[in-house]
Amino acid sequence: MLDLAPFKVLTFDCYGTLIDWETGILTALRPVLERHGSTLSDDQALELFGELEAVAEAGPYLPYREVLTVVMDGFADRLGFTLSAGERPALAESVGQWPAFPDTVEALQALATRYELVILSNVDDDLFAKSAQRLQVAFADVITAQQVGSYKPNPRNFEVLLERLNRPKAEILHVAQSLFHDIAPANAAGLTTVWVNRRHDRAGFGATPPQTAQPALEVPDMRTLAELTA
């Protein structure tokens, strides 16, 4: 078991880890797909989202709102239908409505009594501000893709995190759901990682591309992490 005592700062991915983005994504996507006769299952839709998002984020930097619009265009292109003007922004306009996981708020509030909490997220500042209202905790810092000009798993995002924190790596624990966006690049940056395996009871990688990475600790949810640190 990982000794959690040395850590002073917990850095978090937001979407998929604290915010239930898969529910949010499907809630926005499903009406559009159904209107155009798509027979994709939920898992197929999430996997296609993960593929299209990763491609959009790997290219020249676009604000996340535009990334999500590109993803919507990708669904239409891949599935052979034409989006209406009102359908193109469906994903981008939904982000503020994506719910927190049921265990998130209580766990964050408990962890905030023992650690400095920081967000490192692939999002725009204004979109995170809407999600922050659902998280109900004060973060010591919030670092977004908009501020960095790139998206995880780009190493630059973790370089900026370390620059901003200005703390020894041994004091920082990075907590995330995505092996692709977070665990693998955080490991490469020399950080200790916790994998919040939100899909532990389901097959596949959901809305994140497949990746192999070894975290220092795996937990099924945030409640478990909070209990381990108590």
C-alpha atoms as a PDB file:
ATOM      1  CA  MET A   1       0.000   0.000   0.000  1.00  0.00           C
ATOM      2  CA  LEU A   2       1.228   3.462  -0.911  1.00  0.00           C
ATOM      3  CA  ASP A   3       2.309   5.539   2.107  1.00  0.00           C
ATOM      4  CA  LEU A   4       0.266   8.721   1.757  1.00  0.00           C
ATOM      5  CA  ALA A   5       1.862  10.526   4.697  1.00  0.00           C
ATOM      6  CA  PRO A   6       4.617  12.359   2.748  1.00  0.00           C
ATOM      7  CA  PHE A   7       2.235  14.092   0.341  1.00  0.00           C
ATOM      8  CA  LYS A   8       1.218  17.697   0.893  1.00  0.00           C
ATOM      9  CA  VAL A   9      -0.524  18.511  -2.407  1.00  0.00           C
ATOM     10  CA  LEU A  10      -3.168  16.540  -4.288  1.00  0.00           C
ATOM     11  CA  THR A  11      -3.488  17.481  -7.954  1.00  0.00           C
ATOM     12  CA  PHE A  12      -6.638  16.377  -9.727  1.00  0.00           C
ATOM     13  CA  ASP A  13      -7.907  15.808 -13.165  1.00  0.00           C
ATOM     14  CA  CYS A  14     -11.492  17.077 -13.175  1.00  0.00           C
ATOM     15  CA  TYR A  15     -13.570  15.498 -15.939  1.00  0.00           C
ATOM     16  CA  GLY A  16     -13.949  11.760 -15.474  1.00  0.00           C
ATOM     17  CA  THR A  17     -12.387  11.919 -12.010  1.00  0.00           C
ATOM     18  CA  LEU A  18     -14.486  14.463 -10.089  1.00  0.00           C
ATOM     19  CA  ILE A  19     -17.142  15.291 -12.678  1.00  0.00           C
ATOM     20  CA  ASP A  20     -19.093  12.434 -14.295  1.00  0.00           C
ATOM     21  CA  TRP A  21     -18.316  13.454 -17.843  1.00  0.00           C
ATOM     22  CA  GLU A  22     -19.494  10.177 -19.393  1.00  0.00           C
ATOM     23  CA  THR A  23     -23.020  10.803 -18.112  1.00  0.00           C
ATOM     24  CA  GLY A  24     -22.753  14.409 -19.251  1.00  0.00           C
ATOM     25  CA  ILE A  25     -21.439  13.483 -22.691  1.00  0.00           C
ATOM     26  CA  LEU A  26     -24.150  10.897 -23.289  1.00  0.00           C
ATOM     27  CA  THR A  27     -26.889  13.217 -22.061  1.00  0.00           C
ATOM     28  CA  ALA A  28     -25.813  15.775 -24.676  1.00  0.00           C
ATOM     29  CA  LEU A  29     -25.061  13.323 -27.464  1.00  0.00           C
ATOM     30  CA  ARG A  30     -27.928  10.858 -27.250  1.00  0.00           C
ATOM     31  CA  PRO A  31     -30.733  13.189 -28.440  1.00  0.00           C
ATOM     32  CA  VAL A  32     -28.648  14.259 -31.439  1.00  0.00           C
ATOM     33  CA  LEU A  33     -27.713  10.703 -32.364  1.00  0.00           C
ATOM     34  CA  GLU A  34     -31.297   9.488 -32.005  1.00  0.00           C
ATOM     35  CA  ARG A  35     -32.635  12.286 -34.208  1.00  0.00           C
ATOM     36  CA  HIS A  36     -30.287  11.110 -36.950  1.00  0.00           C
ATOM     37  CA  GLY A  37     -31.053   7.411 -36.572  1.00  0.00           C
ATOM     38  CA  SER A  38     -27.772   6.328 -34.996  1.00  0.00           C
ATOM     39  CA  THR A  39     -27.708   2.875 -33.424  1.00  0.00           C
ATOM     40  CA  LEU A  40     -24.454   3.367 -31.502  1.00  0.00           C
ATOM     41  CA  SER A  41     -24.463   1.896 -28.007  1.00  0.00           C
ATOM     42  CA  ASP A  42     -23.428   4.114 -25.112  1.00  0.00           C
ATOM     43  CA  ASP A  43     -19.993   2.485 -24.967  1.00  0.00           C
ATOM     44  CA  GLN A  44     -19.524   2.874 -28.727  1.00  0.00           C
ATOM     45  CA  ALA A  45     -20.491   6.543 -28.518  1.00  0.00           C
ATOM     46  CA  LEU A  46     -18.060   7.137 -25.640  1.00  0.00           C
ATOM     47  CA  GLU A  47     -15.242   5.342 -27.452  1.00  0.00           C
ATOM     48  CA  LEU A  48     -15.821   7.428 -30.585  1.00  0.00           C
ATOM     49  CA  PHE A  49     -15.863  10.572 -28.449  1.00  0.00           C
ATOM     50  CA  GLY A  50     -12.525   9.577 -26.921  1.00  0.00           C
ATOM     51  CA  GLU A  51     -10.990   8.962 -30.327  1.00  0.00           C
ATOM     52  CA  LEU A  52     -12.236  12.204 -31.874  1.00  0.00           C
ATOM     53  CA  GLU A  53     -11.367  14.324 -28.835  1.00  0.00           C
ATOM     54  CA  ALA A  54      -7.805  12.984 -28.648  1.00  0.00           C
ATOM     55  CA  VAL A  55      -7.220  13.815 -32.325  1.00  0.00           C
ATOM     56  CA  ALA A  56      -8.605  17.333 -31.922  1.00  0.00           C
ATOM     57  CA  GLU A  57      -6.533  17.986 -28.799  1.00  0.00           C
ATOM     58  CA  ALA A  58      -3.311  16.704 -30.380  1.00  0.00           C
ATOM     59  CA  GLY A  59      -3.425  19.249 -33.203  1.00  0.00           C
ATOM     60  CA  PRO A  60      -2.895  23.021 -33.040  1.00  0.00           C
ATOM     61  CA  TYR A  61      -4.398  24.378 -29.834  1.00  0.00           C
ATOM     62  CA  LEU A  62      -8.109  25.136 -29.905  1.00  0.00           C
ATOM     63  CA  PRO A  63     -10.206  26.235 -26.928  1.00  0.00           C
ATOM     64  CA  TYR A  64     -12.028  23.259 -25.425  1.00  0.00           C
ATOM     65  CA  ARG A  65     -15.363  24.691 -26.503  1.00  0.00           C
ATOM     66  CA  GLU A  66     -14.112  24.454 -30.097  1.00  0.00           C
ATOM     67  CA  VAL A  67     -12.644  20.988 -29.506  1.00  0.00           C
ATOM     68  CA  LEU A  68     -16.103  19.765 -28.512  1.00  0.00           C
ATOM     69  CA  THR A  69     -17.613  21.334 -31.623  1.00  0.00           C
ATOM     70  CA  VAL A  70     -14.994  19.538 -33.744  1.00  0.00           C
ATOM     71  CA  VAL A  71     -15.955  16.315 -31.960  1.00  0.00           C
ATOM     72  CA  MET A  72     -19.614  16.879 -32.831  1.00  0.00           C
ATOM     73  CA  ASP A  73     -18.634  17.430 -36.471  1.00  0.00           C
ATOM     74  CA  GLY A  74     -16.631  14.201 -36.283  1.00  0.00           C
ATOM     75  CA  PHE A  75     -19.665  12.239 -35.130  1.00  0.00           C
ATOM     76  CA  ALA A  76     -21.654  13.595 -38.057  1.00  0.00           C
ATOM     77  CA  ASP A  77     -18.886  12.827 -40.558  1.00  0.00           C
ATOM     78  CA  ARG A  78     -18.269   9.325 -39.204  1.00  0.00           C
ATOM     79  CA  LEU A  79     -21.950   8.399 -39.007  1.00  0.00           C
ATOM     80  CA  GLY A  80     -23.015  10.104 -42.218  1.00  0.00           C
ATOM     81  CA  PHE A  81     -25.451  12.812 -41.170  1.00  0.00           C
ATOM     82  CA  THR A  82     -25.579  16.617 -41.213  1.00  0.00           C
ATOM     83  CA  LEU A  83     -25.781  18.598 -37.999  1.00  0.00           C
ATOM     84  CA  SER A  84     -28.102  21.539 -37.663  1.00  0.00           C
ATOM     85  CA  ALA A  85     -26.710  24.855 -36.459  1.00  0.00           C
ATOM     86  CA  GLY A  86     -28.295  24.210 -33.087  1.00  0.00           C
ATOM     87  CA  GLU A  87     -26.791  20.728 -32.763  1.00  0.00           C
ATOM     88  CA  ARG A  88     -23.140  21.629 -33.379  1.00  0.00           C
ATOM     89  CA  PRO A  89     -22.622  23.308 -29.966  1.00  0.00           C
ATOM     90  CA  ALA A  90     -24.578  20.642 -28.039  1.00  0.00           C
ATOM     91  CA  LEU A  91     -21.528  19.180 -26.282  1.00  0.00           C
ATOM     92  CA  ALA A  92     -19.848  22.507 -25.566  1.00  0.00           C
ATOM     93  CA  GLU A  93     -23.015  23.995 -24.114  1.00  0.00           C
ATOM     94  CA  SER A  94     -23.559  20.948 -21.886  1.00  0.00           C
ATOM     95  CA  VAL A  95     -20.287  21.061 -19.899  1.00  0.00           C
ATOM     96  CA  GLY A  96     -21.644  23.228 -17.104  1.00  0.00           C
ATOM     97  CA  GLN A  97     -24.428  20.700 -16.580  1.00  0.00           C
ATOM     98  CA  TRP A  98     -22.182  17.666 -16.254  1.00  0.00           C
ATOM     99  CA  PRO A  99     -22.782  16.297 -12.739  1.00  0.00           C
ATOM    100  CA  ALA A 100     -20.265  15.605 -10.017  1.00  0.00           C
ATOM    101  CA  PHE A 101     -19.968  11.967  -9.010  1.00  0.00           C
ATOM    102  CA  PRO A 102     -22.027  11.252  -5.868  1.00  0.00           C
ATOM    103  CA  ASP A 103     -18.876  10.732  -3.760  1.00  0.00           C
ATOM    104  CA  THR A 104     -16.894  13.722  -5.054  1.00  0.00           C
ATOM    105  CA  VAL A 105     -17.956  16.639  -2.886  1.00  0.00           C
ATOM    106  CA  GLU A 106     -17.765  14.864   0.463  1.00  0.00           C
ATOM    107  CA  ALA A 107     -14.396  13.344  -0.438  1.00  0.00           C
ATOM    108  CA  LEU A 108     -12.943  16.693  -1.583  1.00  0.00           C
ATOM    109  CA  GLN A 109     -14.131  18.428   1.552  1.00  0.00           C
ATOM    110  CA  ALA A 110     -12.480  15.754   3.702  1.00  0.00           C
ATOM    111  CA  LEU A 111      -9.242  15.860   1.701  1.00  0.00           C
ATOM    112  CA  ALA A 112      -9.150  19.674   1.882  1.00  0.00           C
ATOM    113  CA  THR A 113      -8.680  19.432   5.648  1.00  0.00           C
ATOM    114  CA  ARG A 114      -5.411  17.549   5.133  1.00  0.00           C
ATOM    115  CA  TYR A 115      -4.006  18.588   1.746  1.00  0.00           C
ATOM    116  CA  GLU A 116      -3.639  21.502  -0.640  1.00  0.00           C
ATOM    117  CA  LEU A 117      -5.927  20.742  -3.601  1.00  0.00           C
ATOM    118  CA  VAL A 118      -5.092  21.746  -7.183  1.00  0.00           C
ATOM    119  CA  ILE A 119      -6.882  21.182 -10.513  1.00  0.00           C
ATOM    120  CA  LEU A 120      -5.068  20.289 -13.760  1.00  0.00           C
ATOM    121  CA  SER A 121      -7.753  20.043 -16.418  1.00  0.00           C
ATOM    122  CA  ASN A 122      -8.216  19.874 -20.182  1.00  0.00           C
ATOM    123  CA  VAL A 123     -10.779  22.655 -20.268  1.00  0.00           C
ATOM    124  CA  ASP A 124     -11.383  26.389 -20.740  1.00  0.00           C
ATOM    125  CA  ASP A 125     -11.375  28.661 -17.704  1.00  0.00           C
ATOM    126  CA  ASP A 126     -15.012  29.675 -18.065  1.00  0.00           C
ATOM    127  CA  LEU A 127     -16.217  26.103 -18.491  1.00  0.00           C
ATOM    128  CA  PHE A 128     -14.349  24.950 -15.382  1.00  0.00           C
ATOM    129  CA  ALA A 129     -15.853  27.847 -13.427  1.00  0.00           C
ATOM    130  CA  LYS A 130     -19.283  26.319 -14.039  1.00  0.00           C
ATOM    131  CA  SER A 131     -18.091  22.888 -12.906  1.00  0.00           C
ATOM    132  CA  ALA A 132     -16.377  24.383  -9.853  1.00  0.00           C
ATOM    133  CA  GLN A 133     -19.777  25.355  -8.482  1.00  0.00           C
ATOM    134  CA  ARG A 134     -20.639  21.656  -8.372  1.00  0.00           C
ATOM    135  CA  LEU A 135     -17.423  20.700  -6.572  1.00  0.00           C
ATOM    136  CA  GLN A 136     -18.069  22.972  -3.559  1.00  0.00           C
ATOM    137  CA  VAL A 137     -14.453  23.233  -2.390  1.00  0.00           C
ATOM    138  CA  ALA A 138     -11.779  25.915  -2.656  1.00  0.00           C
ATOM    139  CA  PHE A 139      -8.791  24.893  -4.790  1.00  0.00           C
ATOM    140  CA  ALA A 140      -5.355  26.366  -4.121  1.00  0.00           C
ATOM    141  CA  ASP A 141      -4.818  26.656  -7.880  1.00  0.00           C
ATOM    142  CA  VAL A 142      -6.608  25.780 -11.111  1.00  0.00           C
ATOM    143  CA  ILE A 143      -4.492  25.104 -14.198  1.00  0.00           C
ATOM    144  CA  THR A 144      -6.398  24.666 -17.433  1.00  0.00           C
ATOM    145  CA  ALA A 145      -5.487  23.761 -20.981  1.00  0.00           C
ATOM    146  CA  GLN A 146      -6.439  27.314 -21.921  1.00  0.00           C
ATOM    147  CA  GLN A 147      -3.729  28.673 -19.618  1.00  0.00           C
ATOM    148  CA  VAL A 148      -1.093  26.220 -20.884  1.00  0.00           C
ATOM    149  CA  GLY A 149      -2.034  26.285 -24.568  1.00  0.00           C
ATOM    150  CA  SER A 150      -2.025  22.503 -24.861  1.00  0.00           C
ATOM    151  CA  TYR A 151      -3.883  19.440 -23.663  1.00  0.00           C
ATOM    152  CA  LYS A 152      -2.823  16.491 -21.560  1.00  0.00           C
ATOM    153  CA  PRO A 153      -1.131  14.095 -22.273  1.00  0.00           C
ATOM    154  CA  ASN A 154       1.210  16.808 -23.606  1.00  0.00           C
ATOM    155  CA  PRO A 155       4.161  16.919 -21.150  1.00  0.00           C
ATOM    156  CA  ARG A 156       3.949  20.718 -21.144  1.00  0.00           C
ATOM    157  CA  ASN A 157       0.813  20.624 -18.997  1.00  0.00           C
ATOM    158  CA  PHE A 158       2.676  18.770 -16.259  1.00  0.00           C
ATOM    159  CA  GLU A 159       5.710  21.047 -16.626  1.00  0.00           C
ATOM    160  CA  VAL A 160       3.466  24.051 -15.983  1.00  0.00           C
ATOM    161  CA  LEU A 161       1.897  22.275 -13.014  1.00  0.00           C
ATOM    162  CA  LEU A 162       5.310  21.727 -11.447  1.00  0.00           C
ATOM    163  CA  GLU A 163       6.406  25.290 -12.210  1.00  0.00           C
ATOM    164  CA  ARG A 164       3.281  26.731 -10.615  1.00  0.00           C
ATOM    165  CA  LEU A 165       3.426  24.532  -7.536  1.00  0.00           C
ATOM    166  CA  ASN A 166       7.161  25.029  -6.980  1.00  0.00           C
ATOM    167  CA  ARG A 167       7.144  22.075  -4.583  1.00  0.00           C
ATOM    168  CA  PRO A 168       9.246  18.898  -4.440  1.00  0.00           C
ATOM    169  CA  LYS A 169       7.725  16.130  -6.566  1.00  0.00           C
ATOM    170  CA  ALA A 170       7.795  13.895  -3.497  1.00  0.00           C
ATOM    171  CA  GLU A 171       5.107  16.117  -1.924  1.00  0.00           C
ATOM    172  CA  ILE A 172       2.737  15.952  -4.927  1.00  0.00           C
ATOM    173  CA  LEU A 173       0.224  13.168  -5.594  1.00  0.00           C
ATOM    174  CA  HIS A 174      -1.614  13.280  -8.930  1.00  0.00           C
ATOM    175  CA  VAL A 175      -5.113  11.792  -8.860  1.00  0.00           C
ATOM    176  CA  ALA A 176      -6.948  10.965 -12.081  1.00  0.00           C
ATOM    177  CA  GLN A 177      -9.237   8.591 -13.938  1.00  0.00           C
ATOM    178  CA  SER A 178      -7.599   8.612 -17.377  1.00  0.00           C
ATOM    179  CA  LEU A 179      -4.547   6.448 -17.906  1.00  0.00           C
ATOM    180  CA  PHE A 180      -4.091   8.158 -21.290  1.00  0.00           C
ATOM    181  CA  HIS A 181      -4.450  11.823 -20.322  1.00  0.00           C
ATOM    182  CA  ASP A 182      -3.015  11.701 -16.813  1.00  0.00           C
ATOM    183  CA  ILE A 183      -1.477   8.588 -15.295  1.00  0.00           C
ATOM    184  CA  ALA A 184       0.995   7.836 -18.092  1.00  0.00           C
ATOM    185  CA  PRO A 185       2.245  11.441 -18.589  1.00  0.00           C
ATOM    186  CA  ALA A 186       2.275  12.164 -14.845  1.00  0.00           C
ATOM    187  CA  ASN A 187       4.378   9.048 -14.303  1.00  0.00           C
ATOM    188  CA  ALA A 188       6.706  10.240 -17.053  1.00  0.00           C
ATOM    189  CA  ALA A 189       6.981  13.606 -15.286  1.00  0.00           C
ATOM    190  CA  GLY A 190       8.182  11.845 -12.150  1.00  0.00           C
ATOM    191  CA  LEU A 191       4.976  12.254 -10.146  1.00  0.00           C
ATOM    192  CA  THR A 192       3.360   9.629  -7.954  1.00  0.00           C
ATOM    193  CA  THR A 193      -0.109   8.767  -9.252  1.00  0.00           C
ATOM    194  CA  VAL A 194      -3.445   7.464  -8.029  1.00  0.00           C
ATOM    195  CA  TRP A 195      -5.779   5.933 -10.590  1.00  0.00           C
ATOM    196  CA  VAL A 196      -9.436   6.531  -9.732  1.00  0.00           C
ATOM    197  CA  ASN A 197     -10.764   3.626 -11.787  1.00  0.00           C
ATOM    198  CA  ARG A 198     -14.314   4.841 -12.230  1.00  0.00           C
ATOM    199  CA  ARG A 199     -14.973   2.055 -14.760  1.00  0.00           C
ATOM    200  CA  HIS A 200     -13.747  -0.752 -12.481  1.00  0.00           C
ATOM    201  CA  ASP A 201     -17.081  -2.559 -12.885  1.00  0.00           C
ATOM    202  CA  ARG A 202     -17.349  -2.053 -16.652  1.00  0.00           C
ATOM    203  CA  ALA A 203     -15.337  -3.189 -19.640  1.00  0.00           C
ATOM    204  CA  GLY A 204     -13.375  -0.827 -21.860  1.00  0.00           C
ATOM    205  CA  PHE A 205     -11.903   2.653 -21.442  1.00  0.00           C
ATOM    206  CA  GLY A 206     -15.054   4.677 -22.067  1.00  0.00           C
ATOM    207  CA  ALA A 207     -14.420   8.255 -23.199  1.00  0.00           C
ATOM    208  CA  THR A 208     -10.628   7.993 -22.869  1.00  0.00           C
ATOM    209  CA  PRO A 209      -8.339   6.314 -25.415  1.00  0.00           C
ATOM    210  CA  PRO A 210      -6.820   2.959 -24.374  1.00  0.00           C
ATOM    211  CA  GLN A 211      -3.512   3.220 -22.546  1.00  0.00           C
ATOM    212  CA  THR A 212      -1.244   1.079 -20.393  1.00  0.00           C
ATOM    213  CA  ALA A 213       0.201   2.738 -17.299  1.00  0.00           C
ATOM    214  CA  GLN A 214       0.986   1.648 -13.758  1.00  0.00           C
ATOM    215  CA  PRO A 215      -0.259   3.914 -10.954  1.00  0.00           C
ATOM    216  CA  ALA A 216       1.197   3.760  -7.466  1.00  0.00           C
ATOM    217  CA  LEU A 217      -2.311   3.230  -6.120  1.00  0.00           C
ATOM    218  CA  GLU A 218      -5.681   2.256  -7.644  1.00  0.00           C
ATOM    219  CA  VAL A 219      -9.019   3.127  -6.035  1.00  0.00           C
ATOM    220  CA  PRO A 220     -12.553   2.695  -7.387  1.00  0.00           C
ATOM    221  CA  ASP A 221     -13.764   6.152  -6.316  1.00  0.00           C
ATOM    222  CA  MET A 222     -12.896   9.315  -4.437  1.00  0.00           C
ATOM    223  CA  ARG A 223     -14.561   8.130  -1.234  1.00  0.00           C
ATOM    224  CA  THR A 224     -12.037   5.311  -0.993  1.00  0.00           C
ATOM    225  CA  LEU A 225      -9.114   7.701  -1.426  1.00  0.00           C
ATOM    226  CA  ALA A 226     -10.463   9.996   1.296  1.00  0.00           C
ATOM    227  CA  GLU A 227     -10.841   7.033   3.644  1.00  0.00           C
ATOM    228  CA  LEU A 228      -7.282   5.891   2.980  1.00  0.00           C
ATOM    229  CA  THR A 229      -5.921   9.318   3.884  1.00  0.00           C
ATOM    230  CA  ALA A 230      -7.970   9.732   7.063  1.00  0.00           C
END
